[in-house]
Amino acid sequence: MTPPTQLARRRRTSARAALYAALALLAAVTAGFWTWLGRVGPLVEVFDWQRIDYESHPAVALLSSYIAVDTSMPGGDPPAGAELLAGHLRAAGVPVTIERVGELDVVMWAILEGDDPGAVVLHHHVDVEPVDRPERWSYPPFEATIEGPWLYGRGAFDMKSVAVAQLEAFLRLARRSAETGRRPARSVIYLATSGEEIGSDLGMRWLLRWHPELVERFAVVLTEGGAVEGREQGDVKYWGTEFVQKRNVAVTVCGDRRERLDGLRRELIAEGRPLTGLVVSPELEAFLAHYAPTRDRDDWRRLLADPHRLARDPVAFSRLPAYLRSLFRNEVVPFPVTETDGGWEMELSIHLVPGADPAEVLAEMLPAWRLHGLGVTVEDEGAADHGSPLDHPVMEEIEAVLAEHYPGMPAGPIYLPWTITDARFVRARGVPAYGFSPFMVLTPEVLNLATQRTLNERIALPGFVEGVEIYAELLERIAGPEAPGDQ
């Protein structure tokens, strides 16, 4: 059998590529692919980036130094990345705990004690996707090159930029607390884990299992997963904060004949995207109530306004783009058949809508007669089958701070298709978790990752710098001296 780490990476890479493709589709279907690419110019003009010396900006310098540490897995050194961040915390007088898990995994946290021991957790993953062919990059992936208004480097988008915004917000609150002698209203935990790109077994899942004394302090977690849909810079269609994701169950099917598995794969591809048996979960209904009115197309607004009716109309449902259709149904994604020492195997990723029973879905999609004579292994990682509440004070404060920076801009929850984050494990423990991106990072950056035209991961520095300020303001709202209590 293929080693588990390779299987996890294959599933993770597929999900990541699908996410970027889905985000790219959000813009492509709205304004047209090439029209959208032609709007990169206004992005530069609006921010007047040439008047700002980004290379000397402290947050940009910190992000550059973090990107310069190769934390890819395998091949990189995630503990070195954690040590870099820990150095900034220690310099500010904040105690730091770093635990090595195995050879290359690491968990790091720092606590700013507040009046309420229930903590706001600022979480990011240290590890980044490996760079298979660095010679194809226009800029070295671990040199953090600044060219124009962009910073290039592995991890710039996913998710070292968020890590730096979180660290800056944490340190500002810690410095103010030290200067005034006043504790924050809420405790804050700055948390970094590794292994996220390959399943989090020795990262978030390890922390949840072996540090219950820390986990019991988790009141709410902020991590990755947010998305910004926009027509051009300054014209945002929807700023989404992730509050729910599908539950993924991994299935391995083994046999001694490739033809049998290839045939099964063709059947599953043909049947894995049904137009009937659709489900409108409470999370989907809540999401669409915010999302549907922001669609540019009249027909999409009408269809999405009544999801229950839409679910009973296969013809109308089929007119939706794939990323929206996926939210109504359980889906099976079969990977290509691969050879093993003892025969052949095929990996399947089962995507379950919130509330779905894994055993029932597997029995329907993979009945015993279909798998007769094949070896089957099911791995249910125990992720949450539900979303986080939308009336949580953190969601309210996210929307409030965005409204101050971008008046009149639609903001609300988002339910992203085909992607998973560590939030799924936190929610399974009963802790609300939200994926928030503070950056005005529009489709040109996402398209760069989705199309792999240049293989250069990047982030727009004007959006990054402003996002650092947004995150600091958000943390002040939810944890500062005048912060509201939890509901």
Protein backbone atom coordinates (compact mmCIF):
# COMPACT_ATOMS: atom_id res chain seq x y z
CA MET A 1 0.00 0.00 0.00
CA THR A 2 1.10 3.56 -0.59
CA PRO A 3 2.48 5.16 2.61
CA PRO A 4 -0.21 7.13 4.51
CA THR A 5 1.66 10.42 4.14
CA GLN A 6 1.57 10.11 0.35
CA LEU A 7 -2.13 9.29 0.38
CA ALA A 8 -2.87 12.25 2.62
CA ARG A 9 -0.84 14.57 0.42
CA ARG A 10 -2.62 13.37 -2.71
CA ARG A 11 -6.02 14.05 -1.17
CA ARG A 12 -4.86 17.38 0.23
CA THR A 13 -3.37 18.56 -3.06
CA SER A 14 -6.54 17.67 -4.89
CA ALA A 15 -8.66 19.59 -2.40
CA ARG A 16 -6.34 22.58 -2.51
CA ALA A 17 -6.38 22.73 -6.32
CA ALA A 18 -10.15 22.43 -6.32
CA LEU A 19 -10.44 25.29 -3.84
CA TYR A 20 -8.34 27.63 -5.95
CA ALA A 21 -10.22 26.60 -9.06
CA ALA A 22 -13.53 27.29 -7.30
CA LEU A 23 -12.38 30.73 -6.20
CA ALA A 24 -11.21 31.50 -9.69
CA LEU A 25 -14.59 30.42 -11.02
CA LEU A 26 -16.32 32.92 -8.76
CA ALA A 27 -14.75 35.73 -10.71
CA ALA A 28 -14.69 34.10 -14.12
CA VAL A 29 -18.43 33.52 -14.24
CA THR A 30 -19.14 37.07 -13.11
CA ALA A 31 -17.09 39.25 -15.40
CA GLY A 32 -15.35 36.96 -17.86
CA PHE A 33 -11.89 35.52 -17.40
CA TRP A 34 -9.91 37.84 -19.63
CA THR A 35 -11.91 40.90 -18.66
CA TRP A 36 -11.03 40.21 -15.06
CA LEU A 37 -7.34 39.79 -15.78
CA GLY A 38 -7.41 43.15 -17.52
CA ARG A 39 -8.43 44.74 -14.25
CA VAL A 40 -5.10 44.16 -12.53
CA GLY A 41 -4.17 47.71 -13.57
CA PRO A 42 -6.81 49.39 -11.39
CA LEU A 43 -5.57 47.35 -8.43
CA VAL A 44 -2.23 49.13 -8.71
CA GLU A 45 -3.73 52.58 -9.29
CA VAL A 46 -6.17 52.51 -6.38
CA PHE A 47 -3.49 51.85 -3.79
CA ASP A 48 -0.83 54.13 -5.32
CA TRP A 49 1.71 51.55 -4.19
CA GLN A 50 4.74 53.38 -5.63
CA ARG A 51 4.64 55.93 -2.81
CA ILE A 52 5.07 53.30 -0.12
CA ASP A 53 8.38 51.70 0.81
CA TYR A 54 7.08 48.23 1.46
CA GLU A 55 10.49 46.67 1.95
CA SER A 56 10.99 48.67 5.15
CA HIS A 57 7.49 48.04 6.52
CA PRO A 58 7.82 45.94 9.71
CA ALA A 59 5.00 43.51 8.83
CA VAL A 60 6.35 43.02 5.31
CA ALA A 61 9.86 42.44 6.69
CA LEU A 62 8.47 39.85 9.11
CA LEU A 63 6.52 38.11 6.37
CA SER A 64 9.60 38.09 4.13
CA SER A 65 11.74 36.53 6.85
CA TYR A 66 9.07 33.91 7.54
CA ILE A 67 8.72 32.99 3.86
CA ALA A 68 12.51 32.68 3.64
CA VAL A 69 12.35 29.74 6.06
CA ASP A 70 11.51 26.66 4.02
CA THR A 71 8.76 25.01 6.05
CA SER A 72 7.53 22.70 3.30
CA MET A 73 6.76 19.10 4.13
CA PRO A 74 8.60 17.00 3.27
CA GLY A 75 11.98 18.61 2.72
CA GLY A 76 11.69 21.74 4.83
CA ASP A 77 12.08 22.66 8.47
CA PRO A 78 8.78 23.68 10.14
CA PRO A 79 10.39 23.91 13.61
CA ALA A 80 12.71 26.61 12.27
CA GLY A 81 9.67 28.62 11.21
CA ALA A 82 8.14 28.24 14.66
CA GLU A 83 11.41 29.35 16.26
CA LEU A 84 11.46 32.49 14.12
CA LEU A 85 7.99 33.46 15.36
CA ALA A 86 8.88 32.52 18.93
CA GLY A 87 11.84 34.89 18.80
CA HIS A 88 9.52 37.84 18.20
CA LEU A 89 7.27 36.76 21.06
CA ARG A 90 10.16 36.35 23.48
CA ALA A 91 11.55 39.75 22.48
CA ALA A 92 8.25 41.23 23.60
CA GLY A 93 8.49 39.43 26.94
CA VAL A 94 5.86 36.80 26.11
CA PRO A 95 6.62 33.23 27.27
CA VAL A 96 6.47 30.65 24.49
CA THR A 97 6.01 26.89 24.52
CA ILE A 98 7.43 24.87 21.62
CA GLU A 99 7.03 21.11 21.38
CA ARG A 100 8.67 18.98 18.74
CA VAL A 101 6.44 16.17 17.53
CA GLY A 102 8.47 13.56 15.74
CA GLU A 103 11.35 14.76 13.57
CA LEU A 104 9.79 17.64 11.64
CA ASP A 105 6.44 18.48 13.20
CA VAL A 106 5.98 21.18 15.78
CA VAL A 107 3.35 22.80 17.96
CA MET A 108 3.91 26.28 19.41
CA TRP A 109 1.76 28.52 21.55
CA ALA A 110 1.91 31.70 23.59
CA ILE A 111 -0.75 32.97 25.98
CA LEU A 112 -1.70 36.55 26.80
CA GLU A 113 -3.74 36.25 29.97
CA GLY A 114 -6.94 38.25 30.21
CA ASP A 115 -9.71 38.71 32.76
CA ASP A 116 -11.63 35.88 31.09
CA PRO A 117 -9.56 32.66 30.91
CA GLY A 118 -11.65 31.51 27.94
CA ALA A 119 -9.33 32.39 25.07
CA VAL A 120 -9.57 33.75 21.56
CA VAL A 121 -7.23 31.45 19.63
CA LEU A 122 -5.29 32.84 16.66
CA HIS A 123 -4.26 29.73 14.74
CA HIS A 124 -2.19 29.14 11.64
CA HIS A 125 -0.27 26.22 10.16
CA VAL A 126 3.47 26.57 9.81
CA ASP A 127 3.92 24.07 6.98
CA VAL A 128 3.48 24.91 3.30
CA GLU A 129 3.02 22.87 0.17
CA PRO A 130 6.31 21.48 -1.23
CA VAL A 131 7.81 23.03 -4.35
CA ASP A 132 8.24 20.20 -6.84
CA ARG A 133 9.95 22.18 -9.62
CA PRO A 134 11.47 25.39 -8.24
CA GLU A 135 13.27 26.05 -11.52
CA ARG A 136 9.91 26.82 -13.12
CA TRP A 137 9.24 29.69 -10.73
CA SER A 138 10.00 33.18 -12.01
CA TYR A 139 11.23 34.04 -8.51
CA PRO A 140 12.90 31.64 -6.06
CA PRO A 141 10.11 30.28 -3.85
CA PHE A 142 11.92 30.91 -0.56
CA GLU A 143 13.52 34.29 -1.21
CA ALA A 144 10.42 36.48 -0.66
CA THR A 145 10.94 38.67 -3.72
CA ILE A 146 9.14 42.02 -3.89
CA GLU A 147 8.29 43.04 -7.44
CA GLY A 148 5.93 45.96 -7.90
CA PRO A 149 3.03 45.71 -5.46
CA TRP A 150 3.45 41.95 -4.91
CA LEU A 151 5.47 39.76 -2.59
CA TYR A 152 6.33 36.38 -4.14
CA GLY A 153 7.17 33.23 -2.24
CA ARG A 154 5.83 29.90 -1.04
CA GLY A 155 3.43 30.53 1.82
CA ALA A 156 2.67 34.15 0.92
CA PHE A 157 -0.95 33.21 0.27
CA ASP A 158 -1.28 29.99 2.29
CA MET A 159 -0.93 31.00 5.05
CA LYS A 160 2.09 32.85 6.40
CA SER A 161 0.51 36.22 5.66
CA VAL A 162 -2.32 35.39 8.07
CA ALA A 163 0.23 34.19 10.63
CA VAL A 164 2.02 37.54 10.51
CA ALA A 165 -1.23 39.50 10.80
CA GLN A 166 -2.16 37.40 13.83
CA LEU A 167 1.27 37.86 15.40
CA GLU A 168 1.22 41.64 14.89
CA ALA A 169 -2.25 41.83 16.46
CA PHE A 170 -1.16 39.65 19.40
CA LEU A 171 2.01 41.67 20.04
CA ARG A 172 0.21 45.02 19.87
CA LEU A 173 -2.29 43.87 22.46
CA ALA A 174 0.52 42.47 24.64
CA ARG A 175 2.52 45.72 24.44
CA ARG A 176 -0.49 47.84 25.30
CA SER A 177 -1.29 45.59 28.23
CA ALA A 178 2.29 45.93 29.50
CA GLU A 179 2.29 49.72 29.06
CA THR A 180 -1.06 50.33 30.77
CA GLY A 181 -0.88 47.57 33.35
CA ARG A 182 -4.36 46.45 32.29
CA ARG A 183 -5.11 42.88 31.28
CA PRO A 184 -7.20 42.31 28.18
CA ALA A 185 -10.84 41.44 28.74
CA ARG A 186 -10.29 38.07 27.05
CA SER A 187 -7.25 35.83 27.08
CA VAL A 188 -5.57 35.30 23.71
CA ILE A 189 -3.61 32.26 22.54
CA TYR A 190 -1.28 32.53 19.55
CA LEU A 191 -1.11 28.99 18.16
CA ALA A 192 1.01 27.51 15.37
CA THR A 193 0.86 23.87 14.28
CA SER A 194 2.42 21.89 11.46
CA GLY A 195 1.36 18.97 9.33
CA GLU A 196 -1.83 20.65 8.11
CA GLU A 197 -1.01 20.00 4.48
CA ILE A 198 -0.90 16.24 5.12
CA GLY A 199 -3.79 15.72 7.52
CA SER A 200 -2.72 17.38 10.81
CA ASP A 201 -2.05 14.06 12.59
CA LEU A 202 1.00 15.56 14.31
CA GLY A 203 -0.34 19.11 14.41
CA MET A 204 -3.79 20.25 15.43
CA ARG A 205 -5.07 16.72 16.00
CA TRP A 206 -2.06 15.94 18.21
CA LEU A 207 -2.63 19.11 20.25
CA LEU A 208 -6.32 18.35 20.75
CA ARG A 209 -5.47 14.84 21.92
CA TRP A 210 -2.52 15.49 24.21
CA HIS A 211 -3.10 18.98 25.63
CA PRO A 212 -6.62 19.01 27.06
CA GLU A 213 -5.55 21.62 29.63
CA LEU A 214 -4.91 24.06 26.79
CA VAL A 215 -7.87 23.02 24.65
CA GLU A 216 -10.33 23.51 27.49
CA ARG A 217 -9.44 27.21 27.36
CA PHE A 218 -10.41 27.52 23.69
CA ALA A 219 -13.48 29.77 23.51
CA VAL A 220 -13.29 30.55 19.80
CA VAL A 221 -10.70 29.92 17.08
CA LEU A 222 -9.76 32.15 14.15
CA THR A 223 -7.87 30.41 11.34
CA GLU A 224 -7.73 30.23 7.52
CA GLY A 225 -10.58 29.76 5.06
CA GLY A 226 -11.98 33.20 4.27
CA ALA A 227 -12.47 34.38 0.69
CA VAL A 228 -12.90 37.73 -1.01
CA GLU A 229 -14.93 37.96 -4.21
CA GLY A 230 -14.45 41.17 -6.14
CA ARG A 231 -14.94 42.67 -9.54
CA GLU A 232 -11.91 44.93 -9.14
CA GLN A 233 -10.02 46.61 -6.33
CA GLY A 234 -12.44 48.70 -4.31
CA ASP A 235 -15.44 46.86 -5.79
CA VAL A 236 -15.94 43.84 -3.55
CA LYS A 237 -18.92 41.61 -4.26
CA TYR A 238 -18.70 39.50 -1.10
CA TRP A 239 -16.23 39.12 1.76
CA GLY A 240 -16.81 35.71 3.21
CA THR A 241 -15.82 34.23 6.57
CA GLU A 242 -15.80 30.43 6.53
CA PHE A 243 -18.10 28.87 9.12
CA VAL A 244 -18.70 25.39 7.74
CA GLN A 245 -17.09 22.84 5.44
CA LYS A 246 -17.90 19.39 4.25
CA ARG A 247 -16.84 16.35 6.20
CA ASN A 248 -14.37 14.14 4.34
CA VAL A 249 -14.15 10.37 4.62
CA ALA A 250 -11.25 8.60 2.89
CA VAL A 251 -11.82 5.19 1.34
CA THR A 252 -9.13 2.91 -0.13
CA VAL A 253 -10.25 0.18 -2.53
CA CYS A 254 -7.73 -2.57 -3.40
CA GLY A 255 -7.80 -5.36 -5.98
CA ASP A 256 -5.58 -7.59 -8.08
CA ARG A 257 -6.90 -6.37 -11.46
CA ARG A 258 -6.51 -2.82 -12.65
CA GLU A 259 -9.37 -3.15 -15.10
CA ARG A 260 -11.81 -3.78 -12.26
CA LEU A 261 -10.77 -0.62 -10.43
CA ASP A 262 -10.67 1.48 -13.60
CA GLY A 263 -14.22 0.38 -14.35
CA LEU A 264 -15.35 1.26 -10.84
CA ARG A 265 -13.71 4.66 -11.15
CA ARG A 266 -15.58 5.38 -14.39
CA GLU A 267 -18.87 4.43 -12.75
CA LEU A 268 -18.24 6.66 -9.76
CA ILE A 269 -17.25 9.62 -11.91
CA ALA A 270 -20.49 9.22 -13.87
CA GLU A 271 -22.62 8.88 -10.73
CA GLY A 272 -20.71 11.00 -8.20
CA ARG A 273 -22.41 14.30 -9.07
CA PRO A 274 -26.15 13.51 -8.79
CA LEU A 275 -28.92 15.96 -9.69
CA THR A 276 -31.39 14.32 -7.32
CA GLY A 277 -31.41 13.41 -3.65
CA LEU A 278 -30.18 16.90 -2.81
CA VAL A 279 -29.96 18.18 0.76
CA VAL A 280 -30.55 21.70 2.04
CA SER A 281 -28.75 21.70 5.35
CA PRO A 282 -29.43 24.48 7.87
CA GLU A 283 -25.89 25.72 7.24
CA LEU A 284 -26.48 25.93 3.49
CA GLU A 285 -29.78 27.75 3.96
CA ALA A 286 -28.15 30.27 6.32
CA PHE A 287 -25.24 30.82 3.95
CA LEU A 288 -27.44 31.39 0.89
CA ALA A 289 -29.60 33.89 2.77
CA HIS A 290 -26.53 36.15 2.89
CA TYR A 291 -24.88 35.09 -0.35
CA ALA A 292 -27.70 34.90 -2.89
CA PRO A 293 -28.56 38.65 -2.90
CA THR A 294 -24.95 39.49 -3.83
CA ARG A 295 -24.96 37.55 -7.12
CA ASP A 296 -24.67 39.66 -10.26
CA ARG A 297 -26.87 37.35 -12.35
CA ASP A 298 -30.62 37.73 -11.93
CA ASP A 299 -31.28 34.03 -12.59
CA TRP A 300 -28.82 32.93 -9.89
CA ARG A 301 -30.35 35.31 -7.36
CA ARG A 302 -33.81 33.93 -8.07
CA LEU A 303 -32.73 30.30 -7.93
CA LEU A 304 -30.66 30.61 -4.76
CA ALA A 305 -33.34 32.62 -2.95
CA ASP A 306 -35.38 29.41 -2.52
CA PRO A 307 -32.91 26.53 -2.08
CA HIS A 308 -35.61 24.01 -1.10
CA ARG A 309 -37.48 24.59 -4.34
CA LEU A 310 -34.21 24.55 -6.26
CA ALA A 311 -33.32 21.15 -4.77
CA ARG A 312 -36.53 19.71 -6.27
CA ASP A 313 -35.86 21.09 -9.76
CA PRO A 314 -33.00 19.16 -11.46
CA VAL A 315 -33.15 21.30 -14.60
CA ALA A 316 -32.78 24.57 -12.73
CA PHE A 317 -30.21 23.05 -10.36
CA SER A 318 -28.04 21.95 -13.29
CA ARG A 319 -27.72 25.59 -14.39
CA LEU A 320 -25.75 26.48 -11.28
CA PRO A 321 -21.93 26.44 -11.37
CA ALA A 322 -20.22 23.39 -9.92
CA TYR A 323 -19.07 25.08 -6.71
CA LEU A 324 -22.68 25.85 -5.74
CA ARG A 325 -24.06 22.48 -6.81
CA SER A 326 -21.55 20.73 -4.59
CA LEU A 327 -23.01 22.34 -1.46
CA PHE A 328 -26.33 20.54 -1.94
CA ARG A 329 -25.07 16.98 -2.19
CA ASN A 330 -22.77 14.26 -0.97
CA GLU A 331 -20.09 13.59 -3.58
CA VAL A 332 -17.46 10.97 -4.26
CA VAL A 333 -14.12 11.93 -5.82
CA PRO A 334 -12.16 8.92 -7.15
CA PHE A 335 -8.43 9.34 -7.66
CA PRO A 336 -6.55 7.55 -10.45
CA VAL A 337 -5.73 3.88 -9.93
CA THR A 338 -2.16 3.26 -8.78
CA GLU A 339 -0.01 0.14 -8.60
CA THR A 340 1.09 -1.28 -5.26
CA ASP A 341 3.38 -4.14 -4.26
CA GLY A 342 0.51 -6.55 -4.10
CA GLY A 343 -1.79 -5.31 -6.85
CA TRP A 344 -3.75 -2.10 -7.47
CA GLU A 345 -5.54 0.48 -5.39
CA MET A 346 -7.80 3.48 -5.78
CA GLU A 347 -8.33 6.28 -3.30
CA LEU A 348 -11.78 7.83 -2.89
CA SER A 349 -12.63 11.03 -1.06
CA ILE A 350 -16.24 11.16 0.09
CA HIS A 351 -17.48 14.72 0.67
CA LEU A 352 -20.42 14.82 3.09
CA VAL A 353 -22.81 17.72 3.56
CA PRO A 354 -23.37 18.88 7.16
CA GLY A 355 -25.40 16.42 9.16
CA ALA A 356 -24.94 13.48 6.79
CA ASP A 357 -24.39 10.06 8.33
CA PRO A 358 -21.14 8.60 6.92
CA ALA A 359 -22.32 4.97 7.18
CA GLU A 360 -25.55 5.70 5.32
CA VAL A 361 -23.80 7.65 2.57
CA LEU A 362 -21.16 4.97 2.08
CA ALA A 363 -23.81 2.26 1.93
CA GLU A 364 -25.61 4.22 -0.78
CA MET A 365 -22.60 5.22 -2.84
CA LEU A 366 -20.56 2.05 -2.33
CA PRO A 367 -23.01 -0.82 -1.78
CA ALA A 368 -21.61 -4.27 -1.01
CA TRP A 369 -22.45 -5.66 -4.44
CA ARG A 370 -20.35 -2.96 -6.10
CA LEU A 371 -17.32 -3.77 -3.97
CA HIS A 372 -17.62 -7.56 -4.07
CA GLY A 373 -14.18 -9.17 -4.15
CA LEU A 374 -12.32 -5.94 -3.37
CA GLY A 375 -10.49 -4.93 -0.24
CA VAL A 376 -11.92 -1.77 1.37
CA THR A 377 -10.48 0.46 4.09
CA VAL A 378 -12.48 3.40 5.48
CA GLU A 379 -10.81 6.24 7.37
CA ASP A 380 -13.18 8.67 9.06
CA GLU A 381 -11.00 11.31 10.69
CA GLY A 382 -13.76 12.37 13.08
CA ALA A 383 -14.18 15.89 11.78
CA ALA A 384 -17.21 18.00 12.64
CA ASP A 385 -20.45 17.40 10.78
CA HIS A 386 -21.78 20.87 11.54
CA GLY A 387 -20.85 24.52 11.23
CA SER A 388 -20.14 27.26 13.76
CA PRO A 389 -22.93 29.62 14.91
CA LEU A 390 -23.50 32.74 12.85
CA ASP A 391 -24.71 34.80 15.80
CA HIS A 392 -21.38 34.51 17.62
CA PRO A 393 -19.88 37.87 18.74
CA VAL A 394 -16.73 37.17 16.71
CA MET A 395 -18.74 36.97 13.48
CA GLU A 396 -20.45 40.22 14.40
CA GLU A 397 -17.14 41.95 15.08
CA ILE A 398 -15.61 40.69 11.83
CA GLU A 399 -18.46 42.22 9.86
CA ALA A 400 -18.26 45.43 11.92
CA VAL A 401 -14.54 46.00 11.33
CA LEU A 402 -14.87 45.25 7.62
CA ALA A 403 -17.77 47.70 7.39
CA GLU A 404 -15.58 50.43 8.85
CA HIS A 405 -12.86 49.86 6.27
CA TYR A 406 -15.18 49.16 3.34
CA PRO A 407 -18.54 50.88 3.92
CA GLY A 408 -21.43 49.29 2.08
CA MET A 409 -19.47 46.17 1.17
CA PRO A 410 -21.39 42.89 1.52
CA ALA A 411 -19.81 40.63 4.12
CA GLY A 412 -21.05 37.47 5.74
CA PRO A 413 -20.55 33.73 6.12
CA ILE A 414 -19.17 31.53 3.40
CA TYR A 415 -19.41 27.79 2.85
CA LEU A 416 -16.52 26.87 0.59
CA PRO A 417 -16.68 23.73 -1.55
CA TRP A 418 -14.02 21.05 -1.88
CA THR A 419 -11.68 22.26 0.82
CA ILE A 420 -10.78 21.40 4.40
CA THR A 421 -8.97 23.25 7.18
CA ASP A 422 -8.08 22.52 10.79
CA ALA A 423 -11.30 24.24 11.81
CA ARG A 424 -13.06 20.91 11.24
CA PHE A 425 -11.25 19.30 14.16
CA VAL A 426 -11.85 22.22 16.51
CA ARG A 427 -15.57 22.27 15.73
CA ALA A 428 -15.74 18.55 16.48
CA ARG A 429 -14.67 19.47 20.04
CA GLY A 430 -17.58 21.89 20.34
CA VAL A 431 -15.47 25.04 19.88
CA PRO A 432 -16.68 27.67 17.38
CA ALA A 433 -14.11 28.25 14.62
CA TYR A 434 -14.06 30.76 11.78
CA GLY A 435 -11.86 31.10 8.72
CA PHE A 436 -11.13 34.80 8.28
CA SER A 437 -8.89 36.51 5.75
CA PRO A 438 -8.26 40.21 6.47
CA PHE A 439 -6.65 40.85 3.10
CA MET A 440 -8.08 42.47 0.02
CA VAL A 441 -6.70 39.62 -2.08
CA LEU A 442 -8.76 39.39 -5.23
CA THR A 443 -8.89 36.97 -8.09
CA PRO A 444 -5.58 37.79 -9.88
CA GLU A 445 -3.69 36.26 -6.96
CA VAL A 446 -6.03 33.28 -6.73
CA LEU A 447 -5.94 32.72 -10.48
CA ASN A 448 -2.18 32.56 -10.28
CA LEU A 449 -2.46 29.58 -7.95
CA ALA A 450 -5.39 27.98 -9.78
CA THR A 451 -3.96 28.07 -13.29
CA GLN A 452 -0.33 27.36 -12.27
CA ARG A 453 0.73 29.52 -15.22
CA THR A 454 3.85 30.81 -13.48
CA LEU A 455 3.78 28.68 -10.30
CA ASN A 456 4.51 31.85 -8.33
CA GLU A 457 2.60 32.16 -5.09
CA ARG A 458 2.14 35.80 -4.16
CA ILE A 459 0.18 38.35 -2.17
CA ALA A 460 -0.61 41.98 -2.99
CA LEU A 461 1.27 44.10 -0.47
CA PRO A 462 -1.27 46.95 -0.29
CA GLY A 463 -3.94 44.45 0.72
CA PHE A 464 -1.56 42.69 3.09
CA VAL A 465 -0.51 45.86 4.94
CA GLU A 466 -4.09 47.01 5.33
CA GLY A 467 -5.10 43.51 6.39
CA VAL A 468 -2.56 43.61 9.23
CA GLU A 469 -4.32 46.70 10.56
CA ILE A 470 -7.74 45.09 10.15
CA TYR A 471 -6.66 42.04 12.14
CA ALA A 472 -5.24 44.20 14.92
CA GLU A 473 -8.49 46.14 15.13
CA LEU A 474 -10.49 42.92 15.16
CA LEU A 475 -8.51 41.48 18.05
CA GLU A 476 -8.89 44.73 19.95
CA ARG A 477 -12.65 44.49 19.48
CA ILE A 478 -12.98 40.93 20.71
CA ALA A 479 -10.27 40.80 23.37
CA GLY A 480 -9.36 44.37 24.31
CA PRO A 481 -10.29 46.07 27.61
CA GLU A 482 -13.72 47.10 26.34
CA ALA A 483 -14.41 43.83 24.49
CA PRO A 484 -17.94 42.42 24.67
CA GLY A 485 -18.52 39.23 26.61
CA ASP A 486 -19.17 35.92 24.88
CA GLN A 487 -22.75 34.94 24.23
